[in-house]
């Protein structure tokens, strides 16, 4: 248990220095957001397998404080990145981190999955570190909405815990008609599908 005199220190933002997609980033985080002390292993693995073109329009679904979306934005300087999360603190931190890292082609906003993302046939890529506790029903909604939001030829890339890999494989095949396992590590699997 923390003492009262520890609390003010705990309320201060934490800071992470990292390199993702060959870009140095400084990221402010806070207690209460996902993985506040360090970039989580799933994100680190995912970022080894994401390939971005400089003009891509991308969506970081469930962005947290922004490590994926902001690294992607640095990789597509002539494109744009939408970062969405249903946690207002995550959205606030993503926008703070975009400014901190001089990234002007990324914008974070509140959205429960795709509810506030009003773009049909818009994105080249949708990328997500999918929470293990997202239910099957919500995941099904997300995948059909992702299909509608992607341009033909667009890609969806997820990192999930290994326990969800068969579910993701079956559902990518069902919704997109294809599935590719980019990597299976000790704890996480990188899955991808393409909108034909």
C-alpha atoms as a PDB file:
ATOM      1  CA  UNK A   1       0.000   0.000   0.000  1.00  0.00           C
ATOM      2  CA  UNK A   2       1.247   3.490  -0.839  1.00  0.00           C
ATOM      3  CA  UNK A   3       1.359   6.258   1.734  1.00  0.00           C
ATOM      4  CA  UNK A   4      -0.265   9.645   1.193  1.00  0.00           C
ATOM      5  CA  UNK A   5       3.070  11.331   0.459  1.00  0.00           C
ATOM      6  CA  UNK A   6       3.624   8.853  -2.437  1.00  0.00           C
ATOM      7  CA  UNK A   7       0.382   9.777  -4.194  1.00  0.00           C
ATOM      8  CA  UNK A   8       1.461  13.088  -5.766  1.00  0.00           C
ATOM      9  CA  UNK A   9       4.445  11.317  -7.286  1.00  0.00           C
ATOM     10  CA  UNK A  10       2.186   8.537  -8.618  1.00  0.00           C
ATOM     11  CA  UNK A  11      -0.043  11.160 -10.287  1.00  0.00           C
ATOM     12  CA  UNK A  12       2.856  12.474 -12.390  1.00  0.00           C
ATOM     13  CA  UNK A  13       3.164  11.247 -15.969  1.00  0.00           C
ATOM     14  CA  UNK A  14       5.660   8.477 -16.617  1.00  0.00           C
ATOM     15  CA  UNK A  15       7.962   8.646 -19.626  1.00  0.00           C
ATOM     16  CA  UNK A  16       9.146   5.911 -21.999  1.00  0.00           C
ATOM     17  CA  UNK A  17      11.894   6.279 -24.570  1.00  0.00           C
ATOM     18  CA  UNK A  18      11.624   3.653 -27.318  1.00  0.00           C
ATOM     19  CA  UNK A  19      12.416   2.873 -30.940  1.00  0.00           C
ATOM     20  CA  UNK A  20       9.601   1.450 -33.066  1.00  0.00           C
ATOM     21  CA  UNK A  21       9.737   1.018 -36.857  1.00  0.00           C
ATOM     22  CA  UNK A  22      13.201   2.656 -36.700  1.00  0.00           C
ATOM     23  CA  UNK A  23      11.797   5.839 -35.142  1.00  0.00           C
ATOM     24  CA  UNK A  24      12.874   7.168 -31.759  1.00  0.00           C
ATOM     25  CA  UNK A  25       9.843   8.124 -29.682  1.00  0.00           C
ATOM     26  CA  UNK A  26       9.359   9.643 -26.250  1.00  0.00           C
ATOM     27  CA  UNK A  27       5.971   8.680 -24.849  1.00  0.00           C
ATOM     28  CA  UNK A  28       4.177  10.033 -21.792  1.00  0.00           C
ATOM     29  CA  UNK A  29       2.078   7.447 -19.958  1.00  0.00           C
ATOM     30  CA  UNK A  30       0.089   7.257 -16.721  1.00  0.00           C
ATOM     31  CA  UNK A  31      -0.926   4.656 -14.207  1.00  0.00           C
ATOM     32  CA  UNK A  32      -4.268   3.235 -15.322  1.00  0.00           C
ATOM     33  CA  UNK A  33      -3.492   2.951 -19.055  1.00  0.00           C
ATOM     34  CA  UNK A  34      -2.306  -0.312 -20.608  1.00  0.00           C
ATOM     35  CA  UNK A  35       1.398  -1.083 -20.039  1.00  0.00           C
ATOM     36  CA  UNK A  36       2.414   2.275 -18.508  1.00  0.00           C
ATOM     37  CA  UNK A  37       6.011   1.392 -17.615  1.00  0.00           C
ATOM     38  CA  UNK A  38       7.238  -0.033 -20.932  1.00  0.00           C
ATOM     39  CA  UNK A  39       6.078  -0.975 -24.416  1.00  0.00           C
ATOM     40  CA  UNK A  40       4.432  -4.393 -24.043  1.00  0.00           C
ATOM     41  CA  UNK A  41       5.868  -7.491 -25.705  1.00  0.00           C
ATOM     42  CA  UNK A  42       2.903  -7.882 -28.085  1.00  0.00           C
ATOM     43  CA  UNK A  43       3.402  -4.378 -29.490  1.00  0.00           C
ATOM     44  CA  UNK A  44       7.155  -4.901 -29.834  1.00  0.00           C
ATOM     45  CA  UNK A  45       6.556  -8.114 -31.806  1.00  0.00           C
ATOM     46  CA  UNK A  46       3.840  -6.509 -33.938  1.00  0.00           C
ATOM     47  CA  UNK A  47       6.075  -3.600 -34.917  1.00  0.00           C
ATOM     48  CA  UNK A  48       8.629  -6.021 -36.390  1.00  0.00           C
ATOM     49  CA  UNK A  49       6.049  -7.198 -38.941  1.00  0.00           C
ATOM     50  CA  UNK A  50       4.173  -4.013 -39.876  1.00  0.00           C
ATOM     51  CA  UNK A  51       5.158  -2.512 -43.220  1.00  0.00           C
ATOM     52  CA  UNK A  52       3.903   0.961 -44.044  1.00  0.00           C
ATOM     53  CA  UNK A  53       4.010   2.938 -47.296  1.00  0.00           C
ATOM     54  CA  UNK A  54       4.673   6.668 -47.048  1.00  0.00           C
ATOM     55  CA  UNK A  55       1.181   7.576 -48.344  1.00  0.00           C
ATOM     56  CA  UNK A  56      -0.833   5.034 -46.305  1.00  0.00           C
ATOM     57  CA  UNK A  57      -3.952   6.010 -44.415  1.00  0.00           C
ATOM     58  CA  UNK A  58      -3.983   3.888 -41.266  1.00  0.00           C
ATOM     59  CA  UNK A  59      -6.131   3.238 -38.232  1.00  0.00           C
ATOM     60  CA  UNK A  60      -4.693   2.253 -34.849  1.00  0.00           C
ATOM     61  CA  UNK A  61      -7.623   0.562 -33.135  1.00  0.00           C
ATOM     62  CA  UNK A  62      -7.405   0.696 -29.331  1.00  0.00           C
ATOM     63  CA  UNK A  63      -4.404   3.006 -29.437  1.00  0.00           C
ATOM     64  CA  UNK A  64      -3.614   3.353 -25.731  1.00  0.00           C
ATOM     65  CA  UNK A  65      -1.047   6.130 -25.322  1.00  0.00           C
ATOM     66  CA  UNK A  66      -0.099   5.800 -28.995  1.00  0.00           C
ATOM     67  CA  UNK A  67       3.059   3.724 -29.543  1.00  0.00           C
ATOM     68  CA  UNK A  68       1.747   1.843 -32.595  1.00  0.00           C
ATOM     69  CA  UNK A  69      -0.114   4.680 -34.290  1.00  0.00           C
ATOM     70  CA  UNK A  70       2.616   7.261 -33.746  1.00  0.00           C
ATOM     71  CA  UNK A  71       5.392   4.983 -35.040  1.00  0.00           C
ATOM     72  CA  UNK A  72       3.205   4.218 -38.064  1.00  0.00           C
ATOM     73  CA  UNK A  73       2.566   7.960 -38.595  1.00  0.00           C
ATOM     74  CA  UNK A  74       6.324   8.584 -38.681  1.00  0.00           C
ATOM     75  CA  UNK A  75       6.541   5.891 -41.390  1.00  0.00           C
ATOM     76  CA  UNK A  76       3.799   7.409 -43.587  1.00  0.00           C
ATOM     77  CA  UNK A  77       4.701  11.134 -43.676  1.00  0.00           C
ATOM     78  CA  UNK A  78       2.512  11.699 -46.764  1.00  0.00           C
ATOM     79  CA  UNK A  79      -0.375   9.697 -45.285  1.00  0.00           C
ATOM     80  CA  UNK A  80      -2.374   9.964 -42.090  1.00  0.00           C
ATOM     81  CA  UNK A  81      -3.109   7.921 -39.010  1.00  0.00           C
ATOM     82  CA  UNK A  82      -6.294   7.828 -36.961  1.00  0.00           C
ATOM     83  CA  UNK A  83      -5.804   6.602 -33.394  1.00  0.00           C
ATOM     84  CA  UNK A  84      -8.957   5.575 -31.555  1.00  0.00           C
ATOM     85  CA  UNK A  85      -9.630   4.332 -28.050  1.00  0.00           C
ATOM     86  CA  UNK A  86     -12.647   4.259 -25.747  1.00  0.00           C
ATOM     87  CA  UNK A  87     -10.530   5.546 -22.849  1.00  0.00           C
ATOM     88  CA  UNK A  88     -10.350   9.353 -22.754  1.00  0.00           C
ATOM     89  CA  UNK A  89      -7.023   9.293 -20.884  1.00  0.00           C
ATOM     90  CA  UNK A  90      -5.486   7.142 -23.643  1.00  0.00           C
ATOM     91  CA  UNK A  91      -6.763   9.560 -26.301  1.00  0.00           C
ATOM     92  CA  UNK A  92      -5.416  12.555 -24.361  1.00  0.00           C
ATOM     93  CA  UNK A  93      -2.001  10.902 -23.983  1.00  0.00           C
ATOM     94  CA  UNK A  94      -1.868   9.924 -27.682  1.00  0.00           C
ATOM     95  CA  UNK A  95      -2.467  13.540 -28.704  1.00  0.00           C
ATOM     96  CA  UNK A  96       0.103  14.784 -26.159  1.00  0.00           C
ATOM     97  CA  UNK A  97       2.606  12.248 -27.509  1.00  0.00           C
ATOM     98  CA  UNK A  98       1.935  13.261 -31.115  1.00  0.00           C
ATOM     99  CA  UNK A  99       2.851  16.867 -30.215  1.00  0.00           C
ATOM    100  CA  UNK A 100       5.816  15.787 -28.110  1.00  0.00           C
ATOM    101  CA  UNK A 101       7.247  13.838 -31.074  1.00  0.00           C
ATOM    102  CA  UNK A 102       6.393  16.526 -33.696  1.00  0.00           C
ATOM    103  CA  UNK A 103       3.939  14.251 -35.522  1.00  0.00           C
ATOM    104  CA  UNK A 104       1.296  16.259 -37.372  1.00  0.00           C
ATOM    105  CA  UNK A 105      -0.279  13.522 -39.520  1.00  0.00           C
ATOM    106  CA  UNK A 106      -1.835  11.649 -36.583  1.00  0.00           C
ATOM    107  CA  UNK A 107      -4.977  12.451 -34.598  1.00  0.00           C
ATOM    108  CA  UNK A 108      -6.436  10.537 -31.667  1.00  0.00           C
ATOM    109  CA  UNK A 109     -10.130  10.594 -30.814  1.00  0.00           C
ATOM    110  CA  UNK A 110     -12.650   8.752 -28.671  1.00  0.00           C
ATOM    111  CA  UNK A 111     -14.383   5.855 -30.342  1.00  0.00           C
ATOM    112  CA  UNK A 112     -15.777   2.551 -29.134  1.00  0.00           C
ATOM    113  CA  UNK A 113     -14.178   0.484 -31.897  1.00  0.00           C
ATOM    114  CA  UNK A 114     -15.523   1.976 -35.168  1.00  0.00           C
ATOM    115  CA  UNK A 115     -18.520   3.885 -33.753  1.00  0.00           C
ATOM    116  CA  UNK A 116     -16.949   7.313 -34.323  1.00  0.00           C
ATOM    117  CA  UNK A 117     -14.871   6.311 -37.359  1.00  0.00           C
ATOM    118  CA  UNK A 118     -16.983   7.500 -40.288  1.00  0.00           C
ATOM    119  CA  UNK A 119     -14.899   6.337 -43.211  1.00  0.00           C
ATOM    120  CA  UNK A 120     -16.057   3.735 -45.735  1.00  0.00           C
ATOM    121  CA  UNK A 121     -13.377   2.352 -48.095  1.00  0.00           C
ATOM    122  CA  UNK A 122     -10.890   4.756 -46.550  1.00  0.00           C
ATOM    123  CA  UNK A 123      -7.996   2.975 -44.859  1.00  0.00           C
ATOM    124  CA  UNK A 124      -5.016   1.192 -46.385  1.00  0.00           C
ATOM    125  CA  UNK A 125      -4.259  -0.481 -43.067  1.00  0.00           C
ATOM    126  CA  UNK A 126      -5.949  -1.236 -39.771  1.00  0.00           C
ATOM    127  CA  UNK A 127      -3.561  -2.247 -37.012  1.00  0.00           C
ATOM    128  CA  UNK A 128      -4.385  -3.325 -33.469  1.00  0.00           C
ATOM    129  CA  UNK A 129      -2.970  -4.891 -30.349  1.00  0.00           C
ATOM    130  CA  UNK A 130      -6.249  -6.571 -29.494  1.00  0.00           C
ATOM    131  CA  UNK A 131      -7.071  -6.831 -25.762  1.00  0.00           C
ATOM    132  CA  UNK A 132      -7.434 -10.444 -24.649  1.00  0.00           C
ATOM    133  CA  UNK A 133     -10.720  -9.614 -22.919  1.00  0.00           C
ATOM    134  CA  UNK A 134     -12.519  -8.156 -25.980  1.00  0.00           C
ATOM    135  CA  UNK A 135     -15.471 -10.592 -26.286  1.00  0.00           C
ATOM    136  CA  UNK A 136     -16.246 -12.728 -29.329  1.00  0.00           C
ATOM    137  CA  UNK A 137     -19.287 -10.625 -30.132  1.00  0.00           C
ATOM    138  CA  UNK A 138     -17.330  -7.355 -30.057  1.00  0.00           C
ATOM    139  CA  UNK A 139     -14.529  -8.884 -32.103  1.00  0.00           C
ATOM    140  CA  UNK A 140     -17.029  -9.965 -34.762  1.00  0.00           C
ATOM    141  CA  UNK A 141     -18.449  -6.421 -34.909  1.00  0.00           C
ATOM    142  CA  UNK A 142     -14.909  -5.017 -35.192  1.00  0.00           C
ATOM    143  CA  UNK A 143     -13.932  -7.331 -38.066  1.00  0.00           C
ATOM    144  CA  UNK A 144     -17.008  -6.571 -40.198  1.00  0.00           C
ATOM    145  CA  UNK A 145     -16.595  -2.834 -39.566  1.00  0.00           C
ATOM    146  CA  UNK A 146     -12.884  -3.139 -40.422  1.00  0.00           C
ATOM    147  CA  UNK A 147     -13.763  -4.842 -43.701  1.00  0.00           C
ATOM    148  CA  UNK A 148     -16.067  -1.944 -44.600  1.00  0.00           C
ATOM    149  CA  UNK A 149     -13.485   0.670 -43.612  1.00  0.00           C
ATOM    150  CA  UNK A 150     -10.638  -0.792 -45.670  1.00  0.00           C
ATOM    151  CA  UNK A 151      -9.959   0.083 -49.293  1.00  0.00           C
ATOM    152  CA  UNK A 152      -9.780  -2.895 -51.665  1.00  0.00           C
ATOM    153  CA  UNK A 153      -6.287  -4.313 -51.190  1.00  0.00           C
ATOM    154  CA  UNK A 154      -6.168  -2.905 -47.652  1.00  0.00           C
ATOM    155  CA  UNK A 155      -4.672  -4.956 -44.822  1.00  0.00           C
ATOM    156  CA  UNK A 156      -5.747  -5.708 -41.282  1.00  0.00           C
ATOM    157  CA  UNK A 157      -2.967  -6.742 -38.887  1.00  0.00           C
ATOM    158  CA  UNK A 158      -3.631  -7.876 -35.328  1.00  0.00           C
ATOM    159  CA  UNK A 159      -1.418  -9.030 -32.501  1.00  0.00           C
ATOM    160  CA  UNK A 160      -3.211 -11.240 -29.999  1.00  0.00           C
ATOM    161  CA  UNK A 161      -2.300 -13.620 -27.218  1.00  0.00           C
ATOM    162  CA  UNK A 162      -1.715 -17.113 -28.600  1.00  0.00           C
ATOM    163  CA  UNK A 163      -4.933 -18.333 -26.990  1.00  0.00           C
ATOM    164  CA  UNK A 164      -6.930 -16.245 -29.502  1.00  0.00           C
ATOM    165  CA  UNK A 165      -4.970 -17.258 -32.623  1.00  0.00           C
ATOM    166  CA  UNK A 166      -7.427 -19.923 -33.876  1.00  0.00           C
ATOM    167  CA  UNK A 167     -10.400 -17.643 -33.246  1.00  0.00           C
ATOM    168  CA  UNK A 168      -8.698 -14.840 -35.194  1.00  0.00           C
ATOM    169  CA  UNK A 169      -7.721 -17.222 -38.002  1.00  0.00           C
ATOM    170  CA  UNK A 170     -11.281 -18.551 -38.352  1.00  0.00           C
ATOM    171  CA  UNK A 171     -12.817 -15.083 -38.234  1.00  0.00           C
ATOM    172  CA  UNK A 172     -10.315 -13.476 -40.638  1.00  0.00           C
ATOM    173  CA  UNK A 173     -11.104 -16.316 -43.088  1.00  0.00           C
ATOM    174  CA  UNK A 174     -14.847 -15.880 -42.544  1.00  0.00           C
ATOM    175  CA  UNK A 175     -14.899 -12.079 -42.977  1.00  0.00           C
ATOM    176  CA  UNK A 176     -11.976 -11.471 -45.378  1.00  0.00           C
ATOM    177  CA  UNK A 177     -11.748 -14.857 -47.115  1.00  0.00           C
ATOM    178  CA  UNK A 178      -8.052 -15.161 -46.269  1.00  0.00           C
ATOM    179  CA  UNK A 179      -5.611 -15.319 -43.385  1.00  0.00           C
ATOM    180  CA  UNK A 180      -1.856 -15.196 -42.994  1.00  0.00           C
ATOM    181  CA  UNK A 181       0.089 -15.882 -39.801  1.00  0.00           C
ATOM    182  CA  UNK A 182       3.033 -13.481 -39.946  1.00  0.00           C
ATOM    183  CA  UNK A 183       4.623 -14.723 -36.724  1.00  0.00           C
ATOM    184  CA  UNK A 184       3.840 -16.813 -33.687  1.00  0.00           C
ATOM    185  CA  UNK A 185       6.030 -16.072 -30.688  1.00  0.00           C
ATOM    186  CA  UNK A 186       6.014 -17.595 -27.224  1.00  0.00           C
ATOM    187  CA  UNK A 187       3.011 -15.535 -26.070  1.00  0.00           C
ATOM    188  CA  UNK A 188       1.693 -13.616 -29.097  1.00  0.00           C
ATOM    189  CA  UNK A 189       0.622 -14.219 -32.691  1.00  0.00           C
ATOM    190  CA  UNK A 190       0.676 -11.673 -35.524  1.00  0.00           C
ATOM    191  CA  UNK A 191      -2.253 -12.269 -37.904  1.00  0.00           C
ATOM    192  CA  UNK A 192      -3.073 -10.502 -41.152  1.00  0.00           C
ATOM    193  CA  UNK A 193      -5.808 -10.513 -43.775  1.00  0.00           C
ATOM    194  CA  UNK A 194      -6.255  -8.558 -47.003  1.00  0.00           C
ATOM    195  CA  UNK A 195      -9.482  -7.118 -48.372  1.00  0.00           C
ATOM    196  CA  UNK A 196      -9.681  -8.619 -51.861  1.00  0.00           C
END
